[in-house]
Amino acid sequence: MAAFSLHTTVHTLLAKSGYNKLERREQRIVLAGIIFILCLALFHFAVSPLLEGRQRAQKSVIQKKEDLVKIRQLQEEYHRLQNQTEEMEKRLQKRNPSFTLFSFIEERATQAKVKEQINSMTPSTSEGDGMLQESRVDLKLEHISLQQLVDFLQQVESAENAVMIKRISIQESNKDEGSLDAVMQIITFTKKSGS
């Protein structure tokens, strides 16, 4: 009954539109146009959204994989830094409790025979976020030979005492030909008071 009603409705529409009055060839062209429009509508409203959804899903999967790689890299970096911090804390526990960076540098300058070339030594500390704080000495050496500078640097850098040279600037001395002037920043870490 529903099929008969649909057939009747289609026949009525065709008759009212003038489709039945067209020649056979013209009917085929109109039918091809209708099929083309239906296919276009089907693609636009059904297939295209599916393809776009699939493309968005693929991009999302790629982005999630990249995010996962970054998270793993950050995790590895975190573990590396955590291990370094633990290693640093072990070194600091072994270090003499009365250790100060200023006196350590003075002692090493005496051993390297460059104490007379020290123009200035400025100590300072900077608070970090963790349990450690950075202790720093800005040091200026003047009229020093290359060999004296090398000896001093070897004396100062100490893994055992967790002392390292953070920055160094070396230039030829203006006053004494063949000698050097050096400005450096020497650092170590100390436990914050109350930690």
N, C-alpha and C. Protein backbone atom coordinates (compact mmCIF):
# COMPACT_ATOMS: atom_id res chain seq x y z
N MET A 1 0.82 -1.20 0.00
CA MET A 1 0.00 0.00 0.00
C MET A 1 0.87 1.27 0.00
N ALA A 2 1.94 1.26 0.83
CA ALA A 2 2.84 2.40 0.91
C ALA A 2 3.59 2.56 -0.40
N ALA A 3 3.99 1.43 -1.04
CA ALA A 3 4.70 1.47 -2.31
C ALA A 3 3.81 2.04 -3.39
N PHE A 4 2.51 1.66 -3.38
CA PHE A 4 1.55 2.18 -4.36
C PHE A 4 1.37 3.69 -4.17
N SER A 5 1.30 4.14 -2.91
CA SER A 5 1.14 5.56 -2.59
C SER A 5 2.36 6.36 -3.05
N LEU A 6 3.56 5.80 -2.84
CA LEU A 6 4.81 6.45 -3.27
C LEU A 6 4.85 6.55 -4.78
N HIS A 7 4.45 5.45 -5.46
CA HIS A 7 4.45 5.40 -6.92
C HIS A 7 3.50 6.46 -7.47
N THR A 8 2.35 6.58 -6.84
CA THR A 8 1.35 7.57 -7.26
C THR A 8 1.87 8.99 -7.06
N THR A 9 2.52 9.22 -5.93
CA THR A 9 3.07 10.55 -5.62
C THR A 9 4.14 10.93 -6.63
N VAL A 10 5.04 10.00 -6.95
CA VAL A 10 6.11 10.25 -7.92
C VAL A 10 5.51 10.56 -9.28
N HIS A 11 4.48 9.75 -9.69
CA HIS A 11 3.83 9.96 -10.98
C HIS A 11 3.19 11.35 -11.05
N THR A 12 2.53 11.75 -9.95
CA THR A 12 1.87 13.05 -9.89
C THR A 12 2.90 14.17 -10.02
N LEU A 13 4.03 14.04 -9.29
CA LEU A 13 5.10 15.05 -9.35
C LEU A 13 5.67 15.17 -10.75
N LEU A 14 5.89 14.01 -11.38
CA LEU A 14 6.44 14.02 -12.74
C LEU A 14 5.47 14.70 -13.71
N ALA A 15 4.20 14.43 -13.53
CA ALA A 15 3.19 15.01 -14.42
C ALA A 15 3.12 16.53 -14.22
N LYS A 16 3.13 16.99 -12.95
CA LYS A 16 3.05 18.42 -12.67
C LYS A 16 4.30 19.18 -13.10
N SER A 17 5.47 18.52 -13.02
CA SER A 17 6.72 19.19 -13.38
C SER A 17 6.91 19.27 -14.89
N GLY A 18 6.15 18.51 -15.63
CA GLY A 18 6.28 18.52 -17.08
C GLY A 18 7.31 17.53 -17.57
N TYR A 19 7.76 16.67 -16.69
CA TYR A 19 8.78 15.66 -17.04
C TYR A 19 8.24 14.72 -18.12
N ASN A 20 6.96 14.33 -18.01
CA ASN A 20 6.35 13.39 -18.97
C ASN A 20 6.26 13.99 -20.38
N LYS A 21 6.25 15.33 -20.48
CA LYS A 21 6.12 15.98 -21.77
C LYS A 21 7.47 16.09 -22.50
N LEU A 22 8.57 15.82 -21.75
CA LEU A 22 9.90 15.91 -22.36
C LEU A 22 10.16 14.71 -23.25
N GLU A 23 11.06 14.92 -24.20
CA GLU A 23 11.47 13.79 -25.06
C GLU A 23 12.32 12.85 -24.24
N ARG A 24 12.51 11.66 -24.76
CA ARG A 24 13.25 10.60 -24.07
C ARG A 24 14.68 11.07 -23.72
N ARG A 25 15.31 11.70 -24.68
CA ARG A 25 16.69 12.18 -24.49
C ARG A 25 16.73 13.24 -23.39
N GLU A 26 15.80 14.16 -23.36
CA GLU A 26 15.73 15.22 -22.35
C GLU A 26 15.43 14.64 -20.98
N GLN A 27 14.58 13.60 -20.94
CA GLN A 27 14.29 12.94 -19.67
C GLN A 27 15.56 12.32 -19.08
N ARG A 28 16.35 11.73 -19.95
CA ARG A 28 17.61 11.13 -19.47
C ARG A 28 18.55 12.20 -18.91
N ILE A 29 18.64 13.33 -19.56
CA ILE A 29 19.50 14.42 -19.10
C ILE A 29 19.02 14.93 -17.73
N VAL A 30 17.69 15.13 -17.61
CA VAL A 30 17.12 15.58 -16.33
C VAL A 30 17.38 14.54 -15.24
N LEU A 31 17.18 13.26 -15.58
CA LEU A 31 17.41 12.17 -14.62
C LEU A 31 18.88 12.13 -14.19
N ALA A 32 19.78 12.29 -15.17
CA ALA A 32 21.23 12.31 -14.86
C ALA A 32 21.55 13.49 -13.94
N GLY A 33 20.94 14.64 -14.18
CA GLY A 33 21.15 15.82 -13.34
C GLY A 33 20.67 15.59 -11.92
N ILE A 34 19.48 14.95 -11.80
CA ILE A 34 18.93 14.65 -10.47
C ILE A 34 19.85 13.68 -9.73
N ILE A 35 20.32 12.65 -10.44
CA ILE A 35 21.22 11.67 -9.81
C ILE A 35 22.52 12.35 -9.38
N PHE A 36 23.03 13.24 -10.27
CA PHE A 36 24.27 13.97 -9.94
C PHE A 36 24.06 14.82 -8.68
N ILE A 37 22.94 15.54 -8.60
CA ILE A 37 22.66 16.39 -7.43
C ILE A 37 22.51 15.54 -6.17
N LEU A 38 21.83 14.37 -6.31
CA LEU A 38 21.69 13.47 -5.15
C LEU A 38 23.04 12.94 -4.69
N CYS A 39 23.89 12.57 -5.66
CA CYS A 39 25.24 12.08 -5.31
C CYS A 39 26.05 13.18 -4.63
N LEU A 40 25.94 14.40 -5.17
CA LEU A 40 26.66 15.53 -4.59
C LEU A 40 26.17 15.80 -3.17
N ALA A 41 24.85 15.76 -2.99
CA ALA A 41 24.29 15.97 -1.64
C ALA A 41 24.73 14.85 -0.69
N LEU A 42 24.74 13.62 -1.19
CA LEU A 42 25.17 12.47 -0.37
C LEU A 42 26.63 12.65 0.04
N PHE A 43 27.47 13.05 -0.92
CA PHE A 43 28.89 13.25 -0.61
C PHE A 43 29.06 14.38 0.40
N HIS A 44 28.35 15.50 0.15
CA HIS A 44 28.50 16.67 1.01
C HIS A 44 27.99 16.43 2.44
N PHE A 45 26.87 15.74 2.56
CA PHE A 45 26.26 15.58 3.90
C PHE A 45 26.61 14.27 4.59
N ALA A 46 27.14 13.27 3.86
CA ALA A 46 27.43 11.98 4.49
C ALA A 46 28.91 11.61 4.38
N VAL A 47 29.42 11.53 3.17
CA VAL A 47 30.79 11.03 2.96
C VAL A 47 31.83 12.05 3.44
N SER A 48 31.66 13.31 3.05
CA SER A 48 32.64 14.33 3.41
C SER A 48 32.82 14.47 4.92
N PRO A 49 31.73 14.55 5.71
CA PRO A 49 31.92 14.62 7.17
C PRO A 49 32.63 13.39 7.74
N LEU A 50 32.35 12.21 7.14
CA LEU A 50 33.05 11.00 7.60
C LEU A 50 34.54 11.09 7.33
N LEU A 51 34.89 11.55 6.11
CA LEU A 51 36.31 11.68 5.76
C LEU A 51 37.01 12.72 6.64
N GLU A 52 36.32 13.85 6.87
CA GLU A 52 36.90 14.88 7.74
C GLU A 52 37.06 14.37 9.17
N GLY A 53 36.07 13.63 9.64
CA GLY A 53 36.15 13.05 10.99
C GLY A 53 37.31 12.08 11.10
N ARG A 54 37.49 11.28 10.06
CA ARG A 54 38.61 10.32 10.05
C ARG A 54 39.95 11.05 10.03
N GLN A 55 40.02 12.11 9.22
CA GLN A 55 41.25 12.89 9.14
C GLN A 55 41.57 13.55 10.50
N ARG A 56 40.53 14.10 11.15
CA ARG A 56 40.73 14.70 12.48
C ARG A 56 41.18 13.65 13.48
N ALA A 57 40.60 12.45 13.40
CA ALA A 57 40.98 11.37 14.31
C ALA A 57 42.44 10.97 14.08
N GLN A 58 42.85 10.90 12.80
CA GLN A 58 44.24 10.54 12.50
C GLN A 58 45.20 11.60 13.03
N LYS A 59 44.83 12.90 12.82
CA LYS A 59 45.67 13.98 13.33
C LYS A 59 45.75 13.92 14.86
N SER A 60 44.61 13.61 15.48
CA SER A 60 44.58 13.52 16.94
C SER A 60 45.47 12.39 17.44
N VAL A 61 45.44 11.26 16.74
CA VAL A 61 46.29 10.12 17.12
C VAL A 61 47.76 10.49 16.98
N ILE A 62 48.11 11.16 15.87
CA ILE A 62 49.50 11.59 15.66
C ILE A 62 49.93 12.55 16.76
N GLN A 63 49.05 13.51 17.09
CA GLN A 63 49.36 14.48 18.14
C GLN A 63 49.54 13.79 19.49
N LYS A 64 48.69 12.82 19.78
CA LYS A 64 48.79 12.09 21.05
C LYS A 64 50.10 11.31 21.12
N LYS A 65 50.51 10.72 19.98
CA LYS A 65 51.79 9.99 19.95
C LYS A 65 52.95 10.94 20.20
N GLU A 66 52.90 12.13 19.56
CA GLU A 66 53.96 13.13 19.78
C GLU A 66 53.97 13.58 21.23
N ASP A 67 52.80 13.79 21.81
CA ASP A 67 52.71 14.18 23.22
C ASP A 67 53.29 13.10 24.13
N LEU A 68 53.01 11.85 23.78
CA LEU A 68 53.52 10.73 24.58
C LEU A 68 55.04 10.67 24.52
N VAL A 69 55.61 10.91 23.32
CA VAL A 69 57.07 10.93 23.18
C VAL A 69 57.66 12.05 24.04
N LYS A 70 57.02 13.24 24.00
CA LYS A 70 57.50 14.37 24.81
C LYS A 70 57.41 14.06 26.30
N ILE A 71 56.33 13.42 26.71
CA ILE A 71 56.16 13.06 28.12
C ILE A 71 57.25 12.09 28.55
N ARG A 72 57.55 11.12 27.69
CA ARG A 72 58.62 10.16 28.02
C ARG A 72 59.98 10.86 28.11
N GLN A 73 60.23 11.81 27.20
CA GLN A 73 61.49 12.56 27.25
C GLN A 73 61.58 13.37 28.53
N LEU A 74 60.47 14.01 28.90
CA LEU A 74 60.45 14.80 30.13
C LEU A 74 60.64 13.90 31.36
N GLN A 75 60.05 12.72 31.29
CA GLN A 75 60.19 11.77 32.40
C GLN A 75 61.66 11.34 32.55
N GLU A 76 62.30 11.05 31.40
CA GLU A 76 63.72 10.67 31.43
C GLU A 76 64.57 11.81 31.96
N GLU A 77 64.27 13.04 31.52
CA GLU A 77 65.01 14.22 31.99
C GLU A 77 64.80 14.41 33.49
N TYR A 78 63.58 14.22 33.95
CA TYR A 78 63.28 14.34 35.38
C TYR A 78 64.09 13.33 36.19
N HIS A 79 64.10 12.06 35.72
CA HIS A 79 64.87 11.03 36.44
C HIS A 79 66.36 11.34 36.43
N ARG A 80 66.85 11.86 35.30
CA ARG A 80 68.28 12.22 35.21
C ARG A 80 68.60 13.33 36.21
N LEU A 81 67.74 14.35 36.25
CA LEU A 81 67.97 15.46 37.19
C LEU A 81 67.83 15.01 38.64
N GLN A 82 66.89 14.11 38.87
CA GLN A 82 66.71 13.57 40.22
C GLN A 82 67.96 12.80 40.66
N ASN A 83 68.52 12.01 39.75
CA ASN A 83 69.76 11.27 40.05
C ASN A 83 70.92 12.22 40.30
N GLN A 84 71.00 13.31 39.50
CA GLN A 84 72.06 14.29 39.70
C GLN A 84 71.91 14.96 41.07
N THR A 85 70.68 15.27 41.42
CA THR A 85 70.43 15.91 42.73
C THR A 85 70.83 14.98 43.86
N GLU A 86 70.46 13.71 43.74
CA GLU A 86 70.83 12.73 44.78
C GLU A 86 72.34 12.59 44.88
N GLU A 87 73.00 12.56 43.70
CA GLU A 87 74.47 12.46 43.68
C GLU A 87 75.09 13.69 44.33
N MET A 88 74.53 14.87 44.02
CA MET A 88 75.04 16.11 44.60
C MET A 88 74.85 16.10 46.12
N GLU A 89 73.70 15.64 46.58
CA GLU A 89 73.44 15.59 48.02
C GLU A 89 74.42 14.64 48.72
N LYS A 90 74.75 13.51 48.07
CA LYS A 90 75.73 12.57 48.65
C LYS A 90 77.10 13.23 48.78
N ARG A 91 77.49 13.98 47.72
CA ARG A 91 78.78 14.68 47.78
C ARG A 91 78.79 15.73 48.88
N LEU A 92 77.68 16.44 49.02
CA LEU A 92 77.61 17.48 50.03
C LEU A 92 77.66 16.89 51.44
N GLN A 93 77.08 15.70 51.63
CA GLN A 93 77.13 15.04 52.95
C GLN A 93 78.55 14.62 53.30
N LYS A 94 79.33 14.24 52.28
CA LYS A 94 80.71 13.81 52.52
C LYS A 94 81.64 15.00 52.75
N ARG A 95 81.25 16.16 52.25
CA ARG A 95 82.09 17.36 52.34
C ARG A 95 82.18 17.82 53.80
N ASN A 96 83.29 18.41 54.15
CA ASN A 96 83.52 18.93 55.50
C ASN A 96 82.42 19.93 55.85
N PRO A 97 81.77 19.80 57.00
CA PRO A 97 80.66 20.71 57.37
C PRO A 97 81.08 22.18 57.46
N SER A 98 82.35 22.44 57.69
CA SER A 98 82.82 23.84 57.81
C SER A 98 83.25 24.40 56.45
N PHE A 99 83.01 23.67 55.36
CA PHE A 99 83.41 24.10 54.02
C PHE A 99 82.72 25.40 53.63
N THR A 100 83.54 26.35 53.14
CA THR A 100 82.98 27.55 52.50
C THR A 100 83.69 27.73 51.16
N LEU A 101 82.96 28.15 50.18
CA LEU A 101 83.52 28.30 48.83
C LEU A 101 84.62 29.35 48.82
N PHE A 102 84.43 30.44 49.55
CA PHE A 102 85.40 31.53 49.58
C PHE A 102 86.76 31.04 50.08
N SER A 103 86.76 30.35 51.23
CA SER A 103 88.02 29.87 51.79
C SER A 103 88.63 28.76 50.93
N PHE A 104 87.79 27.94 50.29
CA PHE A 104 88.26 26.88 49.39
C PHE A 104 89.03 27.50 48.22
N ILE A 105 88.47 28.57 47.64
CA ILE A 105 89.13 29.23 46.50
C ILE A 105 90.44 29.89 46.95
N GLU A 106 90.42 30.53 48.11
CA GLU A 106 91.66 31.14 48.62
C GLU A 106 92.76 30.09 48.81
N GLU A 107 92.38 28.96 49.37
CA GLU A 107 93.33 27.86 49.61
C GLU A 107 93.90 27.35 48.28
N ARG A 108 93.01 27.16 47.28
CA ARG A 108 93.46 26.66 45.97
C ARG A 108 94.30 27.70 45.23
N ALA A 109 94.00 28.99 45.43
CA ALA A 109 94.80 30.05 44.81
C ALA A 109 96.20 30.06 45.39
N THR A 110 96.30 29.80 46.69
CA THR A 110 97.61 29.72 47.34
C THR A 110 98.40 28.54 46.79
N GLN A 111 97.74 27.38 46.67
CA GLN A 111 98.40 26.18 46.14
C GLN A 111 98.87 26.38 44.69
N ALA A 112 98.07 27.10 43.89
CA ALA A 112 98.42 27.33 42.48
C ALA A 112 99.32 28.55 42.31
N LYS A 113 99.67 29.20 43.43
CA LYS A 113 100.55 30.37 43.45
C LYS A 113 100.00 31.53 42.60
N VAL A 114 98.70 31.80 42.75
CA VAL A 114 98.07 32.93 42.03
C VAL A 114 97.35 33.87 42.99
N LYS A 115 97.58 33.71 44.29
CA LYS A 115 96.85 34.54 45.26
C LYS A 115 97.17 36.02 45.07
N GLU A 116 98.42 36.31 44.68
CA GLU A 116 98.83 37.70 44.48
C GLU A 116 98.14 38.32 43.25
N GLN A 117 97.69 37.47 42.31
CA GLN A 117 97.05 37.98 41.09
C GLN A 117 95.53 38.19 41.25
N ILE A 118 95.00 37.85 42.43
CA ILE A 118 93.56 38.05 42.65
C ILE A 118 93.29 39.54 42.81
N ASN A 119 92.48 40.09 41.92
CA ASN A 119 92.11 41.51 41.98
C ASN A 119 90.87 41.70 42.83
N SER A 120 89.90 40.74 42.67
CA SER A 120 88.68 40.83 43.48
C SER A 120 88.04 39.45 43.62
N MET A 121 87.38 39.27 44.77
CA MET A 121 86.61 38.04 45.05
C MET A 121 85.31 38.47 45.71
N THR A 122 84.19 38.18 45.05
CA THR A 122 82.90 38.61 45.58
C THR A 122 81.99 37.40 45.79
N PRO A 123 81.70 37.04 47.04
CA PRO A 123 80.82 35.89 47.29
C PRO A 123 79.35 36.30 47.25
N SER A 124 78.50 35.36 46.87
CA SER A 124 77.04 35.59 46.92
C SER A 124 76.34 34.23 46.91
N THR A 125 75.06 34.25 47.26
CA THR A 125 74.25 33.03 47.20
C THR A 125 72.95 33.35 46.48
N SER A 126 72.38 32.32 45.86
CA SER A 126 71.06 32.50 45.25
C SER A 126 70.20 31.31 45.62
N GLU A 127 68.97 31.63 46.01
CA GLU A 127 68.03 30.60 46.45
C GLU A 127 67.43 29.89 45.24
N GLY A 128 67.34 28.58 45.31
CA GLY A 128 66.66 27.81 44.28
C GLY A 128 65.33 27.30 44.80
N ASP A 129 64.64 26.52 43.99
CA ASP A 129 63.33 25.99 44.40
C ASP A 129 63.45 24.78 45.31
N GLY A 130 64.54 24.02 45.15
CA GLY A 130 64.67 22.77 45.89
C GLY A 130 65.30 22.94 47.26
N MET A 131 65.98 21.89 47.71
CA MET A 131 66.60 21.89 49.03
C MET A 131 68.00 22.51 49.00
N LEU A 132 68.52 22.78 47.78
CA LEU A 132 69.87 23.31 47.65
C LEU A 132 69.84 24.77 47.23
N GLN A 133 70.90 25.48 47.62
CA GLN A 133 71.08 26.84 47.14
C GLN A 133 72.45 26.95 46.51
N GLU A 134 72.57 27.86 45.55
CA GLU A 134 73.84 28.04 44.85
C GLU A 134 74.68 29.05 45.59
N SER A 135 75.91 28.66 45.88
CA SER A 135 76.88 29.55 46.47
C SER A 135 77.84 29.95 45.36
N ARG A 136 78.13 31.24 45.23
CA ARG A 136 78.91 31.69 44.08
C ARG A 136 79.99 32.66 44.53
N VAL A 137 81.12 32.60 43.83
CA VAL A 137 82.18 33.60 44.02
C VAL A 137 82.56 34.11 42.64
N ASP A 138 82.46 35.43 42.47
CA ASP A 138 82.93 36.08 41.24
C ASP A 138 84.38 36.48 41.50
N LEU A 139 85.27 35.99 40.65
CA LEU A 139 86.71 36.14 40.87
C LEU A 139 87.35 36.80 39.67
N LYS A 140 88.26 37.76 39.95
CA LYS A 140 89.00 38.40 38.87
C LYS A 140 90.49 38.22 39.14
N LEU A 141 91.17 37.63 38.16
CA LEU A 141 92.62 37.44 38.23
C LEU A 141 93.26 38.34 37.18
N GLU A 142 94.38 39.00 37.56
CA GLU A 142 95.07 39.88 36.62
C GLU A 142 96.53 39.50 36.50
N HIS A 143 97.10 39.73 35.34
CA HIS A 143 98.53 39.50 35.05
C HIS A 143 98.94 38.08 35.41
N ILE A 144 98.25 37.13 34.86
CA ILE A 144 98.50 35.72 35.16
C ILE A 144 98.96 35.01 33.88
N SER A 145 99.88 34.07 34.04
CA SER A 145 100.34 33.33 32.85
C SER A 145 99.32 32.24 32.51
N LEU A 146 99.42 31.76 31.30
CA LEU A 146 98.51 30.70 30.88
C LEU A 146 98.69 29.46 31.76
N GLN A 147 99.93 29.11 32.07
CA GLN A 147 100.19 27.93 32.90
C GLN A 147 99.61 28.10 34.31
N GLN A 148 99.75 29.31 34.87
CA GLN A 148 99.19 29.57 36.20
C GLN A 148 97.66 29.43 36.17
N LEU A 149 97.07 29.95 35.11
CA LEU A 149 95.61 29.87 34.98
C LEU A 149 95.16 28.41 34.89
N VAL A 150 95.84 27.63 34.07
CA VAL A 150 95.50 26.20 33.92
C VAL A 150 95.64 25.48 35.25
N ASP A 151 96.75 25.74 35.96
CA ASP A 151 96.98 25.10 37.28
C ASP A 151 95.86 25.46 38.26
N PHE A 152 95.48 26.75 38.27
CA PHE A 152 94.44 27.20 39.18
C PHE A 152 93.10 26.53 38.85
N LEU A 153 92.76 26.49 37.56
CA LEU A 153 91.49 25.87 37.15
C LEU A 153 91.45 24.40 37.55
N GLN A 154 92.57 23.72 37.37
CA GLN A 154 92.63 22.30 37.77
C GLN A 154 92.48 22.14 39.27
N GLN A 155 93.02 23.09 40.02
CA GLN A 155 92.92 23.04 41.49
C GLN A 155 91.48 23.33 41.96
N VAL A 156 90.84 24.28 41.29
CA VAL A 156 89.53 24.74 41.75
C VAL A 156 88.41 23.75 41.42
N GLU A 157 88.36 23.30 40.18
CA GLU A 157 87.26 22.39 39.80
C GLU A 157 87.43 21.09 40.57
N SER A 158 86.42 20.76 41.36
CA SER A 158 86.51 19.61 42.23
C SER A 158 85.16 18.90 42.29
N ALA A 159 85.11 17.72 41.69
CA ALA A 159 83.87 16.92 41.75
C ALA A 159 83.62 16.48 43.19
N GLU A 160 84.68 16.18 43.89
CA GLU A 160 84.57 15.72 45.27
C GLU A 160 83.89 16.75 46.17
N ASN A 161 84.24 18.03 45.97
CA ASN A 161 83.66 19.11 46.77
C ASN A 161 82.49 19.80 46.07
N ALA A 162 82.10 19.29 44.91
CA ALA A 162 80.99 19.84 44.13
C ALA A 162 81.21 21.31 43.79
N VAL A 163 82.43 21.61 43.33
CA VAL A 163 82.79 22.97 42.93
C VAL A 163 83.04 22.96 41.43
N MET A 164 82.43 23.92 40.74
CA MET A 164 82.62 23.98 39.28
C MET A 164 82.69 25.43 38.82
N ILE A 165 83.28 25.60 37.66
CA ILE A 165 83.37 26.93 37.05
C ILE A 165 82.17 27.07 36.13
N LYS A 166 81.32 28.04 36.44
CA LYS A 166 80.09 28.24 35.66
C LYS A 166 80.37 29.09 34.42
N ARG A 167 81.17 30.15 34.60
CA ARG A 167 81.51 31.04 33.48
C ARG A 167 82.95 31.47 33.61
N ILE A 168 83.57 31.71 32.46
CA ILE A 168 84.94 32.24 32.48
C ILE A 168 85.14 33.10 31.24
N SER A 169 85.85 34.19 31.44
CA SER A 169 86.19 35.10 30.34
C SER A 169 87.69 35.40 30.48
N ILE A 170 88.43 35.14 29.41
CA ILE A 170 89.88 35.32 29.43
C ILE A 170 90.26 36.30 28.32
N GLN A 171 91.13 37.24 28.66
CA GLN A 171 91.64 38.15 27.63
C GLN A 171 93.09 38.50 27.94
N GLU A 172 93.76 38.98 26.91
CA GLU A 172 95.16 39.36 27.07
C GLU A 172 95.23 40.61 27.94
N SER A 173 96.19 40.62 28.83
CA SER A 173 96.34 41.76 29.74
C SER A 173 96.82 42.99 28.99
N ASN A 174 96.26 44.14 29.33
CA ASN A 174 96.66 45.40 28.69
C ASN A 174 97.99 45.91 29.25
N LYS A 175 98.26 45.59 30.51
CA LYS A 175 99.42 46.16 31.19
C LYS A 175 100.68 45.32 31.02
N ASP A 176 100.52 44.01 30.97
CA ASP A 176 101.69 43.13 30.97
C ASP A 176 101.62 42.20 29.76
N GLU A 177 102.48 42.44 28.78
CA GLU A 177 102.46 41.65 27.55
C GLU A 177 102.76 40.18 27.84
N GLY A 178 101.97 39.29 27.25
CA GLY A 178 102.17 37.85 27.44
C GLY A 178 101.41 37.29 28.63
N SER A 179 100.76 38.16 29.39
CA SER A 179 99.96 37.66 30.53
C SER A 179 98.47 37.85 30.23
N LEU A 180 97.66 37.24 31.06
CA LEU A 180 96.22 37.21 30.84
C LEU A 180 95.47 37.82 32.02
N ASP A 181 94.27 38.29 31.74
CA ASP A 181 93.31 38.67 32.77
C ASP A 181 92.14 37.70 32.64
N ALA A 182 91.63 37.22 33.75
CA ALA A 182 90.53 36.25 33.71
C ALA A 182 89.46 36.64 34.72
N VAL A 183 88.23 36.59 34.27
CA VAL A 183 87.08 36.81 35.16
C VAL A 183 86.27 35.53 35.13
N MET A 184 85.96 35.00 36.30
CA MET A 184 85.22 33.73 36.33
C MET A 184 84.20 33.72 37.45
N GLN A 185 83.24 32.84 37.26
CA GLN A 185 82.20 32.63 38.26
C GLN A 185 82.33 31.18 38.70
N ILE A 186 82.65 30.99 39.97
CA ILE A 186 82.84 29.66 40.53
C ILE A 186 81.66 29.36 41.45
N ILE A 187 81.08 28.19 41.27
CA ILE A 187 79.88 27.88 42.07
C ILE A 187 80.01 26.53 42.78
N THR A 188 79.22 26.42 43.81
CA THR A 188 78.99 25.14 44.47
C THR A 188 77.56 25.19 45.00
N PHE A 189 77.13 24.11 45.60
CA PHE A 189 75.80 24.09 46.18
C PHE A 189 75.90 23.78 47.66
N THR A 190 74.99 24.36 48.41
CA THR A 190 74.94 24.08 49.85
C THR A 190 73.48 23.81 50.19
N LYS A 191 73.32 23.07 51.27
CA LYS A 191 71.94 22.82 51.72
C LYS A 191 71.39 24.08 52.33
N LYS A 192 70.12 24.33 52.05
CA LYS A 192 69.47 25.51 52.65
C LYS A 192 69.37 25.30 54.15
N SER A 193 69.48 26.36 54.89
CA SER A 193 69.34 26.23 56.35
C SER A 193 67.90 25.80 56.64
N GLY A 194 67.77 24.82 57.50
CA GLY A 194 66.45 24.27 57.85
C GLY A 194 66.08 23.08 56.99
N SER A 195 66.91 22.73 55.96
CA SER A 195 66.61 21.56 55.10
C SER A 195 67.23 20.33 55.69
